[in-house]
Amino acid sequence: WRWRCVLALRGKEVGDVEESGSPPGVADTTPWPSASGFPTAVPAPALEAERELHAAVAAANPKNYQLWNARRRAAAAAGAGALALELAFTGACLALDAKNYHAWAHRQAVVAAAWEESVARAELEATRQLLGEDPRNNSAWSYRIEMDLVRNAVHAVPSSQSAWAYALGLRPLVPAGALNQGIAALARQVLGAAPWSLAALRALRRAEGP
């Protein structure tokens, strides 16, 4: 409900909006992310105010489900350019609890949505350090294995239908739109080097399909 209010205000101050006596008639228009890219309906100052609230809530209760739902919507509205902010936010939460599943899931979603090979490498290095500190960190292992296995497998064997099927099968674990963008970007990379790979082409079509 708060997010619908943020969308309705469109960056205006609360006092500048006349009360109509009825709830804002604005549908939630920020899927994570949309097929056509990231929505940008919310002005930067409003997003910054939401981030400040998220930080305050996270300081008191970093495993609050509603917090992470709200953060995901704000991240989607901010777009791929806000990746560094999201990595910093999840990093701060993981510094308090390296096994915080919500922080890992959010981090995975934003990295997949704004897929860059350099970011993926940096994430693998970050998880390597965390696992060096605590080899029993199941959340870090899950995050690392999902990213690492698929990327390495399809680059090594572009025609591997099993690897692509595994990547597509991860969609129930994270927001499907985010993972679809990551799979599509990876498939394009593989097709650039191996344009004959029908498995990569099929994965690209499935990731970009309805």
N, C-alpha and C. Protein backbone atom coordinates (compact mmCIF):
# COMPACT_ATOMS: atom_id res chain seq x y z
N TRP A 1 0.83 -1.20 0.00
CA TRP A 1 0.00 0.00 0.00
C TRP A 1 0.86 1.26 0.00
N ARG A 2 1.94 1.21 0.78
CA ARG A 2 2.84 2.37 0.80
C ARG A 2 3.40 2.63 -0.60
N TRP A 3 3.77 1.56 -1.30
CA TRP A 3 4.36 1.75 -2.63
C TRP A 3 3.35 2.36 -3.59
N ARG A 4 2.09 1.99 -3.48
CA ARG A 4 1.06 2.60 -4.32
C ARG A 4 0.95 4.09 -4.03
N CYS A 5 1.10 4.46 -2.77
CA CYS A 5 1.07 5.89 -2.41
C CYS A 5 2.27 6.62 -3.01
N VAL A 6 3.43 5.99 -2.97
CA VAL A 6 4.63 6.59 -3.56
C VAL A 6 4.42 6.82 -5.05
N LEU A 7 3.83 5.85 -5.72
CA LEU A 7 3.57 5.99 -7.16
C LEU A 7 2.56 7.10 -7.42
N ALA A 8 1.55 7.20 -6.56
CA ALA A 8 0.52 8.22 -6.75
C ALA A 8 1.07 9.62 -6.55
N LEU A 9 1.98 9.79 -5.60
CA LEU A 9 2.55 11.11 -5.31
C LEU A 9 3.47 11.59 -6.42
N ARG A 10 4.13 10.65 -7.09
CA ARG A 10 5.07 11.01 -8.17
C ARG A 10 6.07 12.07 -7.73
N GLY A 11 6.56 11.91 -6.51
CA GLY A 11 7.61 12.81 -6.03
C GLY A 11 7.11 14.05 -5.33
N LYS A 12 5.79 14.30 -5.28
CA LYS A 12 5.27 15.48 -4.58
C LYS A 12 5.31 15.25 -3.08
N GLU A 13 5.34 16.35 -2.34
CA GLU A 13 5.25 16.25 -0.89
C GLU A 13 3.81 15.88 -0.51
N VAL A 14 3.67 15.17 0.58
CA VAL A 14 2.33 14.72 0.99
C VAL A 14 1.39 15.91 1.15
N GLY A 15 1.87 17.01 1.72
CA GLY A 15 1.03 18.18 1.95
C GLY A 15 0.57 18.87 0.67
N ASP A 16 1.22 18.58 -0.45
CA ASP A 16 0.85 19.22 -1.71
C ASP A 16 -0.28 18.49 -2.43
N VAL A 17 -0.70 17.35 -1.88
CA VAL A 17 -1.72 16.55 -2.55
C VAL A 17 -3.04 16.69 -1.83
N GLU A 18 -4.09 17.05 -2.57
CA GLU A 18 -5.40 17.22 -1.98
C GLU A 18 -6.01 15.88 -1.65
N GLU A 19 -6.58 15.75 -0.45
CA GLU A 19 -7.23 14.49 -0.08
C GLU A 19 -8.55 14.38 -0.80
N SER A 20 -8.79 13.24 -1.41
CA SER A 20 -10.03 13.03 -2.15
C SER A 20 -11.02 12.22 -1.34
N GLY A 21 -10.57 11.66 -0.21
CA GLY A 21 -11.45 10.83 0.58
C GLY A 21 -11.49 9.40 0.10
N SER A 22 -10.76 9.11 -0.94
CA SER A 22 -10.71 7.74 -1.45
C SER A 22 -9.26 7.36 -1.70
N PRO A 23 -8.94 6.08 -1.68
CA PRO A 23 -7.56 5.65 -1.89
C PRO A 23 -7.06 6.04 -3.26
N PRO A 24 -5.74 6.23 -3.43
CA PRO A 24 -5.21 6.55 -4.75
C PRO A 24 -5.54 5.43 -5.73
N GLY A 25 -6.09 5.80 -6.87
CA GLY A 25 -6.47 4.79 -7.86
C GLY A 25 -5.31 4.46 -8.77
N VAL A 26 -4.20 4.07 -8.19
CA VAL A 26 -3.01 3.78 -8.99
C VAL A 26 -2.62 2.33 -8.82
N ALA A 27 -2.54 1.62 -9.91
CA ALA A 27 -2.14 0.22 -9.84
C ALA A 27 -0.64 0.12 -9.64
N ASP A 28 -0.20 -0.98 -9.08
CA ASP A 28 1.22 -1.22 -8.90
C ASP A 28 1.84 -1.50 -10.26
N THR A 29 2.66 -0.56 -10.74
CA THR A 29 3.19 -0.68 -12.10
C THR A 29 4.69 -0.95 -12.13
N THR A 30 5.21 -1.50 -11.04
CA THR A 30 6.65 -1.76 -11.05
C THR A 30 6.96 -3.22 -10.84
N PRO A 31 6.78 -4.06 -11.86
CA PRO A 31 7.19 -5.45 -11.75
C PRO A 31 8.70 -5.53 -11.64
N TRP A 32 9.21 -6.69 -11.26
CA TRP A 32 10.67 -6.82 -11.05
C TRP A 32 11.29 -7.78 -12.03
N PRO A 33 12.01 -7.32 -13.03
CA PRO A 33 11.76 -6.05 -13.70
C PRO A 33 10.79 -6.31 -14.83
N SER A 34 10.35 -5.28 -15.55
CA SER A 34 9.43 -5.49 -16.66
C SER A 34 10.20 -6.05 -17.85
N ALA A 35 9.46 -6.66 -18.77
CA ALA A 35 10.11 -7.27 -19.94
C ALA A 35 10.79 -6.22 -20.79
N SER A 36 10.28 -4.99 -20.76
CA SER A 36 10.84 -3.93 -21.60
C SER A 36 11.92 -3.13 -20.89
N GLY A 37 12.34 -3.57 -19.73
CA GLY A 37 13.37 -2.84 -19.00
C GLY A 37 12.84 -2.35 -17.66
N PHE A 38 13.59 -1.47 -17.02
CA PHE A 38 13.20 -1.00 -15.70
C PHE A 38 12.24 0.19 -15.81
N PRO A 39 11.15 0.18 -15.03
CA PRO A 39 10.26 1.34 -15.01
C PRO A 39 10.93 2.51 -14.30
N THR A 40 10.60 3.71 -14.67
CA THR A 40 11.24 4.90 -14.08
C THR A 40 10.18 5.93 -13.68
N ALA A 41 9.08 5.47 -13.08
CA ALA A 41 7.97 6.37 -12.78
C ALA A 41 8.19 7.19 -11.51
N VAL A 42 9.13 6.79 -10.67
CA VAL A 42 9.30 7.44 -9.38
C VAL A 42 10.53 8.35 -9.40
N PRO A 43 10.38 9.64 -9.10
CA PRO A 43 11.52 10.57 -9.11
C PRO A 43 12.58 10.19 -8.09
N ALA A 44 13.80 10.59 -8.36
CA ALA A 44 14.94 10.23 -7.51
C ALA A 44 14.76 10.66 -6.04
N PRO A 45 14.27 11.89 -5.75
CA PRO A 45 14.13 12.27 -4.33
C PRO A 45 13.18 11.34 -3.56
N ALA A 46 12.11 10.90 -4.22
CA ALA A 46 11.18 9.99 -3.55
C ALA A 46 11.84 8.64 -3.29
N LEU A 47 12.63 8.18 -4.24
CA LEU A 47 13.34 6.91 -4.05
C LEU A 47 14.35 7.01 -2.93
N GLU A 48 15.02 8.16 -2.83
CA GLU A 48 16.01 8.34 -1.77
C GLU A 48 15.34 8.34 -0.40
N ALA A 49 14.14 8.95 -0.32
CA ALA A 49 13.40 8.94 0.95
C ALA A 49 13.01 7.51 1.32
N GLU A 50 12.63 6.70 0.33
CA GLU A 50 12.29 5.31 0.61
C GLU A 50 13.51 4.53 1.08
N ARG A 51 14.65 4.79 0.45
CA ARG A 51 15.89 4.09 0.84
C ARG A 51 16.25 4.41 2.29
N GLU A 52 16.06 5.67 2.69
CA GLU A 52 16.35 6.05 4.07
C GLU A 52 15.46 5.27 5.04
N LEU A 53 14.20 5.11 4.66
CA LEU A 53 13.29 4.34 5.51
C LEU A 53 13.74 2.87 5.55
N HIS A 54 14.12 2.32 4.41
CA HIS A 54 14.58 0.93 4.37
C HIS A 54 15.78 0.73 5.30
N ALA A 55 16.70 1.69 5.26
CA ALA A 55 17.90 1.58 6.10
C ALA A 55 17.53 1.58 7.58
N ALA A 56 16.56 2.43 7.94
CA ALA A 56 16.14 2.51 9.35
C ALA A 56 15.48 1.21 9.79
N VAL A 57 14.63 0.64 8.93
CA VAL A 57 13.96 -0.61 9.27
C VAL A 57 14.97 -1.75 9.33
N ALA A 58 15.90 -1.77 8.38
CA ALA A 58 16.90 -2.83 8.33
C ALA A 58 17.78 -2.82 9.57
N ALA A 59 18.06 -1.64 10.10
CA ALA A 59 18.89 -1.55 11.30
C ALA A 59 18.22 -2.22 12.48
N ALA A 60 16.87 -2.17 12.51
CA ALA A 60 16.13 -2.76 13.62
C ALA A 60 15.74 -4.21 13.36
N ASN A 61 15.44 -4.51 12.09
CA ASN A 61 14.95 -5.86 11.76
C ASN A 61 15.32 -6.21 10.32
N PRO A 62 16.55 -6.64 10.09
CA PRO A 62 17.03 -6.89 8.72
C PRO A 62 16.37 -8.09 8.03
N LYS A 63 15.57 -8.88 8.75
CA LYS A 63 14.90 -10.03 8.14
C LYS A 63 13.41 -9.79 7.97
N ASN A 64 13.01 -8.53 7.98
CA ASN A 64 11.62 -8.16 7.81
C ASN A 64 11.21 -8.41 6.35
N TYR A 65 10.26 -9.31 6.13
CA TYR A 65 9.83 -9.66 4.77
C TYR A 65 9.34 -8.43 4.00
N GLN A 66 8.54 -7.61 4.66
CA GLN A 66 7.97 -6.44 3.98
C GLN A 66 9.05 -5.45 3.56
N LEU A 67 10.10 -5.36 4.38
CA LEU A 67 11.22 -4.48 4.03
C LEU A 67 11.80 -4.87 2.68
N TRP A 68 12.06 -6.14 2.49
CA TRP A 68 12.72 -6.58 1.26
C TRP A 68 11.79 -6.51 0.05
N ASN A 69 10.50 -6.69 0.28
CA ASN A 69 9.54 -6.50 -0.81
C ASN A 69 9.55 -5.05 -1.27
N ALA A 70 9.55 -4.13 -0.30
CA ALA A 70 9.57 -2.70 -0.64
C ALA A 70 10.88 -2.31 -1.31
N ARG A 71 11.98 -2.87 -0.81
CA ARG A 71 13.28 -2.54 -1.39
C ARG A 71 13.37 -3.02 -2.84
N ARG A 72 12.79 -4.20 -3.11
CA ARG A 72 12.81 -4.73 -4.48
C ARG A 72 12.08 -3.81 -5.44
N ARG A 73 10.95 -3.28 -5.02
CA ARG A 73 10.18 -2.38 -5.87
C ARG A 73 10.93 -1.07 -6.11
N ALA A 74 11.55 -0.56 -5.06
CA ALA A 74 12.31 0.68 -5.22
C ALA A 74 13.51 0.46 -6.14
N ALA A 75 14.16 -0.69 -6.01
CA ALA A 75 15.30 -1.00 -6.88
C ALA A 75 14.87 -1.11 -8.33
N ALA A 76 13.71 -1.72 -8.56
CA ALA A 76 13.20 -1.85 -9.93
C ALA A 76 12.90 -0.49 -10.53
N ALA A 77 12.32 0.41 -9.73
CA ALA A 77 12.00 1.74 -10.22
C ALA A 77 13.26 2.56 -10.48
N ALA A 78 14.31 2.34 -9.69
CA ALA A 78 15.56 3.09 -9.86
C ALA A 78 16.30 2.66 -11.11
N GLY A 79 16.21 1.38 -11.47
CA GLY A 79 16.87 0.90 -12.67
C GLY A 79 18.25 0.34 -12.41
N ALA A 80 18.87 -0.16 -13.49
CA ALA A 80 20.16 -0.83 -13.38
C ALA A 80 21.25 0.10 -12.86
N GLY A 81 21.08 1.42 -13.03
CA GLY A 81 22.09 2.36 -12.57
C GLY A 81 22.24 2.39 -11.06
N ALA A 82 21.25 1.83 -10.35
CA ALA A 82 21.29 1.82 -8.88
C ALA A 82 21.92 0.55 -8.33
N LEU A 83 22.54 -0.25 -9.20
CA LEU A 83 23.11 -1.52 -8.76
C LEU A 83 24.10 -1.34 -7.61
N ALA A 84 24.97 -0.33 -7.71
CA ALA A 84 25.98 -0.12 -6.67
C ALA A 84 25.33 0.16 -5.32
N LEU A 85 24.22 0.93 -5.33
CA LEU A 85 23.51 1.22 -4.08
C LEU A 85 22.93 -0.05 -3.47
N GLU A 86 22.38 -0.91 -4.34
CA GLU A 86 21.77 -2.14 -3.84
C GLU A 86 22.83 -3.11 -3.31
N LEU A 87 23.97 -3.17 -3.98
CA LEU A 87 25.06 -4.02 -3.49
C LEU A 87 25.56 -3.51 -2.13
N ALA A 88 25.64 -2.19 -2.00
CA ALA A 88 26.09 -1.62 -0.72
C ALA A 88 25.08 -1.90 0.39
N PHE A 89 23.79 -1.78 0.07
CA PHE A 89 22.75 -2.02 1.08
C PHE A 89 22.75 -3.48 1.53
N THR A 90 22.79 -4.40 0.57
CA THR A 90 22.81 -5.82 0.96
C THR A 90 24.12 -6.15 1.66
N GLY A 91 25.21 -5.52 1.23
CA GLY A 91 26.50 -5.76 1.88
C GLY A 91 26.48 -5.37 3.35
N ALA A 92 25.82 -4.24 3.64
CA ALA A 92 25.72 -3.79 5.03
C ALA A 92 24.89 -4.78 5.86
N CYS A 93 23.82 -5.29 5.26
CA CYS A 93 22.98 -6.27 5.97
C CYS A 93 23.72 -7.58 6.17
N LEU A 94 24.49 -7.99 5.17
CA LEU A 94 25.24 -9.25 5.29
C LEU A 94 26.41 -9.11 6.26
N ALA A 95 26.89 -7.88 6.45
CA ALA A 95 27.95 -7.67 7.44
C ALA A 95 27.44 -7.95 8.85
N LEU A 96 26.13 -7.72 9.05
CA LEU A 96 25.52 -8.00 10.35
C LEU A 96 25.17 -9.48 10.49
N ASP A 97 24.75 -10.08 9.37
CA ASP A 97 24.36 -11.49 9.37
C ASP A 97 24.67 -12.06 7.99
N ALA A 98 25.78 -12.75 7.88
CA ALA A 98 26.23 -13.24 6.57
C ALA A 98 25.33 -14.30 5.98
N LYS A 99 24.35 -14.80 6.78
CA LYS A 99 23.44 -15.84 6.29
C LYS A 99 22.02 -15.31 6.06
N ASN A 100 21.87 -13.99 6.02
CA ASN A 100 20.56 -13.38 5.83
C ASN A 100 20.03 -13.74 4.44
N TYR A 101 19.08 -14.68 4.39
CA TYR A 101 18.57 -15.16 3.11
C TYR A 101 17.93 -14.05 2.29
N HIS A 102 17.21 -13.14 2.95
CA HIS A 102 16.53 -12.05 2.24
C HIS A 102 17.54 -11.17 1.50
N ALA A 103 18.64 -10.86 2.17
CA ALA A 103 19.67 -10.02 1.55
C ALA A 103 20.30 -10.74 0.37
N TRP A 104 20.58 -12.04 0.50
CA TRP A 104 21.16 -12.79 -0.60
C TRP A 104 20.20 -12.85 -1.79
N ALA A 105 18.91 -13.10 -1.54
CA ALA A 105 17.93 -13.19 -2.61
C ALA A 105 17.81 -11.86 -3.36
N HIS A 106 17.81 -10.76 -2.60
CA HIS A 106 17.73 -9.44 -3.23
C HIS A 106 18.99 -9.16 -4.05
N ARG A 107 20.13 -9.50 -3.49
CA ARG A 107 21.39 -9.27 -4.20
C ARG A 107 21.43 -10.07 -5.51
N GLN A 108 20.99 -11.32 -5.44
CA GLN A 108 20.96 -12.16 -6.63
C GLN A 108 20.05 -11.56 -7.70
N ALA A 109 18.90 -11.06 -7.27
CA ALA A 109 17.93 -10.50 -8.21
C ALA A 109 18.47 -9.26 -8.92
N VAL A 110 19.09 -8.34 -8.17
CA VAL A 110 19.56 -7.11 -8.81
C VAL A 110 20.77 -7.37 -9.70
N VAL A 111 21.62 -8.32 -9.30
CA VAL A 111 22.77 -8.65 -10.14
C VAL A 111 22.31 -9.30 -11.44
N ALA A 112 21.31 -10.19 -11.35
CA ALA A 112 20.79 -10.84 -12.55
C ALA A 112 20.10 -9.84 -13.47
N ALA A 113 19.38 -8.89 -12.89
CA ALA A 113 18.64 -7.92 -13.70
C ALA A 113 19.57 -6.95 -14.41
N ALA A 114 20.68 -6.60 -13.79
CA ALA A 114 21.65 -5.67 -14.40
C ALA A 114 22.91 -6.43 -14.78
N TRP A 115 22.75 -7.55 -15.46
CA TRP A 115 23.85 -8.49 -15.69
C TRP A 115 25.05 -7.84 -16.37
N GLU A 116 26.20 -7.97 -15.73
CA GLU A 116 27.48 -7.57 -16.31
C GLU A 116 28.51 -8.61 -15.90
N GLU A 117 29.33 -9.02 -16.84
CA GLU A 117 30.33 -10.05 -16.55
C GLU A 117 31.27 -9.61 -15.43
N SER A 118 31.66 -8.33 -15.43
CA SER A 118 32.59 -7.84 -14.40
C SER A 118 31.96 -7.90 -13.02
N VAL A 119 30.65 -7.61 -12.95
CA VAL A 119 29.95 -7.67 -11.66
C VAL A 119 29.88 -9.11 -11.18
N ALA A 120 29.59 -10.03 -12.11
CA ALA A 120 29.51 -11.45 -11.74
C ALA A 120 30.84 -11.93 -11.17
N ARG A 121 31.93 -11.53 -11.81
CA ARG A 121 33.26 -11.94 -11.30
C ARG A 121 33.50 -11.38 -9.91
N ALA A 122 33.13 -10.12 -9.71
CA ALA A 122 33.32 -9.49 -8.40
C ALA A 122 32.49 -10.19 -7.33
N GLU A 123 31.27 -10.60 -7.71
CA GLU A 123 30.40 -11.30 -6.76
C GLU A 123 30.99 -12.66 -6.38
N LEU A 124 31.55 -13.35 -7.35
CA LEU A 124 32.16 -14.63 -7.06
C LEU A 124 33.34 -14.47 -6.10
N GLU A 125 34.10 -13.40 -6.29
CA GLU A 125 35.24 -13.14 -5.40
C GLU A 125 34.74 -12.80 -3.99
N ALA A 126 33.66 -12.01 -3.93
CA ALA A 126 33.11 -11.64 -2.62
C ALA A 126 32.61 -12.86 -1.86
N THR A 127 31.95 -13.78 -2.57
CA THR A 127 31.47 -14.99 -1.89
C THR A 127 32.62 -15.90 -1.51
N ARG A 128 33.68 -15.89 -2.31
CA ARG A 128 34.86 -16.70 -1.96
C ARG A 128 35.43 -16.23 -0.63
N GLN A 129 35.49 -14.92 -0.43
CA GLN A 129 36.00 -14.39 0.83
C GLN A 129 35.08 -14.75 2.00
N LEU A 130 33.76 -14.63 1.78
CA LEU A 130 32.82 -14.97 2.84
C LEU A 130 32.91 -16.44 3.22
N LEU A 131 33.06 -17.29 2.21
CA LEU A 131 33.15 -18.72 2.48
C LEU A 131 34.48 -19.06 3.14
N GLY A 132 35.50 -18.25 2.91
CA GLY A 132 36.76 -18.44 3.61
C GLY A 132 36.61 -18.16 5.09
N GLU A 133 35.74 -17.19 5.41
CA GLU A 133 35.49 -16.85 6.81
C GLU A 133 34.57 -17.89 7.47
N ASP A 134 33.61 -18.40 6.70
CA ASP A 134 32.66 -19.37 7.25
C ASP A 134 32.25 -20.36 6.15
N PRO A 135 32.94 -21.48 6.04
CA PRO A 135 32.63 -22.46 4.99
C PRO A 135 31.24 -23.07 5.10
N ARG A 136 30.56 -22.86 6.23
CA ARG A 136 29.23 -23.44 6.43
C ARG A 136 28.11 -22.48 6.07
N ASN A 137 28.45 -21.36 5.44
CA ASN A 137 27.45 -20.37 5.07
C ASN A 137 26.66 -20.88 3.86
N ASN A 138 25.54 -21.54 4.13
CA ASN A 138 24.75 -22.15 3.05
C ASN A 138 24.22 -21.13 2.06
N SER A 139 23.86 -19.95 2.54
CA SER A 139 23.33 -18.92 1.65
C SER A 139 24.37 -18.47 0.64
N ALA A 140 25.61 -18.29 1.10
CA ALA A 140 26.67 -17.88 0.19
C ALA A 140 26.98 -18.98 -0.82
N TRP A 141 26.96 -20.24 -0.36
CA TRP A 141 27.21 -21.36 -1.27
C TRP A 141 26.13 -21.41 -2.36
N SER A 142 24.87 -21.28 -1.95
CA SER A 142 23.77 -21.34 -2.91
C SER A 142 23.89 -20.23 -3.95
N TYR A 143 24.17 -19.03 -3.48
CA TYR A 143 24.31 -17.88 -4.38
C TYR A 143 25.46 -18.08 -5.35
N ARG A 144 26.58 -18.53 -4.83
CA ARG A 144 27.77 -18.71 -5.67
C ARG A 144 27.59 -19.83 -6.68
N ILE A 145 27.08 -20.97 -6.22
CA ILE A 145 26.96 -22.13 -7.10
C ILE A 145 26.02 -21.83 -8.26
N GLU A 146 24.89 -21.19 -7.97
CA GLU A 146 23.93 -20.90 -9.02
C GLU A 146 24.53 -20.02 -10.10
N MET A 147 25.29 -19.01 -9.70
CA MET A 147 25.89 -18.11 -10.68
C MET A 147 27.06 -18.76 -11.40
N ASP A 148 27.89 -19.43 -10.64
CA ASP A 148 29.15 -19.95 -11.16
C ASP A 148 28.95 -21.14 -12.08
N LEU A 149 28.15 -22.09 -11.64
CA LEU A 149 27.96 -23.32 -12.40
C LEU A 149 27.41 -23.06 -13.79
N VAL A 150 26.35 -22.28 -13.85
CA VAL A 150 25.70 -22.04 -15.14
C VAL A 150 26.63 -21.29 -16.08
N ARG A 151 27.25 -20.22 -15.60
CA ARG A 151 28.11 -19.40 -16.46
C ARG A 151 29.27 -20.22 -17.01
N ASN A 152 29.93 -20.98 -16.14
CA ASN A 152 31.07 -21.77 -16.59
C ASN A 152 30.65 -22.89 -17.55
N ALA A 153 29.53 -23.53 -17.24
CA ALA A 153 29.10 -24.67 -18.06
C ALA A 153 28.74 -24.25 -19.47
N VAL A 154 27.98 -23.16 -19.62
CA VAL A 154 27.54 -22.79 -20.96
C VAL A 154 28.66 -22.16 -21.78
N HIS A 155 29.63 -21.55 -21.11
CA HIS A 155 30.78 -21.05 -21.87
C HIS A 155 31.66 -22.21 -22.33
N ALA A 156 31.78 -23.24 -21.50
CA ALA A 156 32.61 -24.40 -21.86
C ALA A 156 31.93 -25.25 -22.93
N VAL A 157 30.63 -25.47 -22.78
CA VAL A 157 29.88 -26.31 -23.73
C VAL A 157 28.60 -25.55 -24.11
N PRO A 158 28.66 -24.67 -25.10
CA PRO A 158 27.50 -23.85 -25.45
C PRO A 158 26.26 -24.65 -25.81
N SER A 159 26.45 -25.89 -26.29
CA SER A 159 25.31 -26.70 -26.72
C SER A 159 24.71 -27.53 -25.59
N SER A 160 25.20 -27.34 -24.37
CA SER A 160 24.71 -28.14 -23.24
C SER A 160 23.27 -27.78 -22.89
N GLN A 161 22.33 -28.62 -23.31
CA GLN A 161 20.93 -28.37 -23.00
C GLN A 161 20.66 -28.48 -21.50
N SER A 162 21.41 -29.35 -20.83
CA SER A 162 21.21 -29.54 -19.38
C SER A 162 21.54 -28.27 -18.60
N ALA A 163 22.65 -27.61 -18.97
CA ALA A 163 23.05 -26.40 -18.26
C ALA A 163 22.01 -25.30 -18.45
N TRP A 164 21.53 -25.13 -19.68
CA TRP A 164 20.51 -24.11 -19.94
C TRP A 164 19.21 -24.45 -19.23
N ALA A 165 18.85 -25.73 -19.21
CA ALA A 165 17.63 -26.14 -18.51
C ALA A 165 17.75 -25.86 -17.02
N TYR A 166 18.95 -26.06 -16.47
CA TYR A 166 19.19 -25.77 -15.05
C TYR A 166 19.01 -24.28 -14.79
N ALA A 167 19.57 -23.45 -15.68
CA ALA A 167 19.46 -22.00 -15.51
C ALA A 167 17.99 -21.57 -15.51
N LEU A 168 17.23 -22.09 -16.47
CA LEU A 168 15.81 -21.74 -16.55
C LEU A 168 15.04 -22.31 -15.35
N GLY A 169 15.50 -23.43 -14.84
CA GLY A 169 14.84 -24.05 -13.69
C GLY A 169 15.04 -23.29 -12.40
N LEU A 170 15.98 -22.35 -12.37
CA LEU A 170 16.21 -21.55 -11.16
C LEU A 170 15.15 -20.48 -10.96
N ARG A 171 14.32 -20.25 -11.98
CA ARG A 171 13.38 -19.13 -11.92
C ARG A 171 12.43 -19.16 -10.73
N PRO A 172 11.98 -20.33 -10.25
CA PRO A 172 11.11 -20.31 -9.06
C PRO A 172 11.82 -19.83 -7.79
N LEU A 173 13.16 -19.83 -7.81
CA LEU A 173 13.91 -19.47 -6.60
C LEU A 173 14.08 -17.97 -6.44
N VAL A 174 14.04 -17.23 -7.55
CA VAL A 174 14.19 -15.78 -7.52
C VAL A 174 13.14 -15.20 -8.44
N PRO A 175 12.87 -13.87 -8.36
CA PRO A 175 11.90 -13.28 -9.27
C PRO A 175 12.22 -13.63 -10.72
N ALA A 176 11.25 -14.23 -11.42
CA ALA A 176 11.51 -14.77 -12.76
C ALA A 176 11.99 -13.71 -13.73
N GLY A 177 11.42 -12.50 -13.64
CA GLY A 177 11.82 -11.46 -14.58
C GLY A 177 13.29 -11.12 -14.46
N ALA A 178 13.79 -11.05 -13.22
CA ALA A 178 15.20 -10.74 -13.01
C ALA A 178 16.10 -11.81 -13.60
N LEU A 179 15.78 -13.06 -13.32
CA LEU A 179 16.61 -14.15 -13.81
C LEU A 179 16.52 -14.27 -15.32
N ASN A 180 15.35 -14.02 -15.89
CA ASN A 180 15.19 -14.08 -17.34
C ASN A 180 16.13 -13.10 -18.04
N GLN A 181 16.27 -11.91 -17.46
CA GLN A 181 17.18 -10.92 -18.07
C GLN A 181 18.62 -11.40 -18.00
N GLY A 182 18.98 -12.00 -16.87
CA GLY A 182 20.34 -12.53 -16.74
C GLY A 182 20.61 -13.66 -17.71
N ILE A 183 19.63 -14.57 -17.87
CA ILE A 183 19.79 -15.69 -18.80
C ILE A 183 19.88 -15.17 -20.23
N ALA A 184 19.05 -14.19 -20.57
CA ALA A 184 19.06 -13.64 -21.92
C ALA A 184 20.41 -13.00 -22.23
N ALA A 185 20.95 -12.25 -21.26
CA ALA A 185 22.26 -11.61 -21.48
C ALA A 185 23.36 -12.65 -21.64
N LEU A 186 23.31 -13.70 -20.82
CA LEU A 186 24.30 -14.76 -20.92
C LEU A 186 24.18 -15.49 -22.25
N ALA A 187 22.95 -15.75 -22.69
CA ALA A 187 22.74 -16.44 -23.96
C ALA A 187 23.29 -15.62 -25.12
N ARG A 188 23.11 -14.31 -25.06
CA ARG A 188 23.65 -13.46 -26.14
C ARG A 188 25.17 -13.52 -26.16
N GLN A 189 25.79 -13.54 -24.98
CA GLN A 189 27.25 -13.66 -24.92
C GLN A 189 27.71 -14.96 -25.56
N VAL A 190 27.04 -16.05 -25.21
CA VAL A 190 27.42 -17.36 -25.75
C VAL A 190 27.19 -17.40 -27.25
N LEU A 191 26.07 -16.86 -27.73
CA LEU A 191 25.79 -16.86 -29.17
C LEU A 191 26.77 -15.99 -29.94
N GLY A 192 27.33 -14.99 -29.27
CA GLY A 192 28.35 -14.18 -29.94
C GLY A 192 29.58 -14.99 -30.28
N ALA A 193 29.91 -15.95 -29.40
CA ALA A 193 31.09 -16.79 -29.63
C ALA A 193 30.73 -18.09 -30.35
N ALA A 194 29.50 -18.55 -30.16
CA ALA A 194 29.07 -19.83 -30.75
C ALA A 194 27.66 -19.67 -31.33
N PRO A 195 27.54 -18.97 -32.46
CA PRO A 195 26.22 -18.69 -33.03
C PRO A 195 25.46 -19.92 -33.47
N TRP A 196 26.14 -21.07 -33.51
CA TRP A 196 25.51 -22.32 -33.91
C TRP A 196 24.79 -23.02 -32.76
N SER A 197 24.90 -22.49 -31.55
CA SER A 197 24.34 -23.17 -30.38
C SER A 197 22.81 -23.05 -30.33
N LEU A 198 22.13 -24.12 -30.72
CA LEU A 198 20.66 -24.12 -30.67
C LEU A 198 20.17 -24.07 -29.22
N ALA A 199 20.94 -24.68 -28.30
CA ALA A 199 20.53 -24.67 -26.89
C ALA A 199 20.51 -23.25 -26.34
N ALA A 200 21.53 -22.45 -26.69
CA ALA A 200 21.59 -21.05 -26.24
C ALA A 200 20.47 -20.24 -26.88
N LEU A 201 20.19 -20.52 -28.15
CA LEU A 201 19.12 -19.80 -28.84
C LEU A 201 17.76 -20.12 -28.22
N ARG A 202 17.54 -21.39 -27.91
CA ARG A 202 16.27 -21.77 -27.27
C ARG A 202 16.14 -21.11 -25.90
N ALA A 203 17.25 -21.07 -25.15
CA ALA A 203 17.21 -20.45 -23.83
C ALA A 203 16.90 -18.96 -23.95
N LEU A 204 17.48 -18.32 -24.97
CA LEU A 204 17.23 -16.89 -25.19
C LEU A 204 15.74 -16.66 -25.50
N ARG A 205 15.18 -17.51 -26.35
CA ARG A 205 13.77 -17.35 -26.70
C ARG A 205 12.86 -17.57 -25.50
N ARG A 206 13.19 -18.56 -24.67
CA ARG A 206 12.38 -18.83 -23.49
C ARG A 206 12.49 -17.70 -22.47
N ALA A 207 13.71 -17.17 -22.32
CA ALA A 207 13.91 -16.08 -21.36
C ALA A 207 13.20 -14.81 -21.79
N GLU A 208 13.14 -14.58 -23.09
CA GLU A 208 12.51 -13.36 -23.60
C GLU A 208 11.04 -13.55 -23.95
N GLY A 209 10.56 -14.80 -23.86
CA GLY A 209 9.19 -15.09 -24.22
C GLY A 209 8.20 -14.66 -23.16
N PRO A 210 6.89 -14.84 -23.44
CA PRO A 210 5.87 -14.42 -22.46
C PRO A 210 5.90 -15.27 -21.22
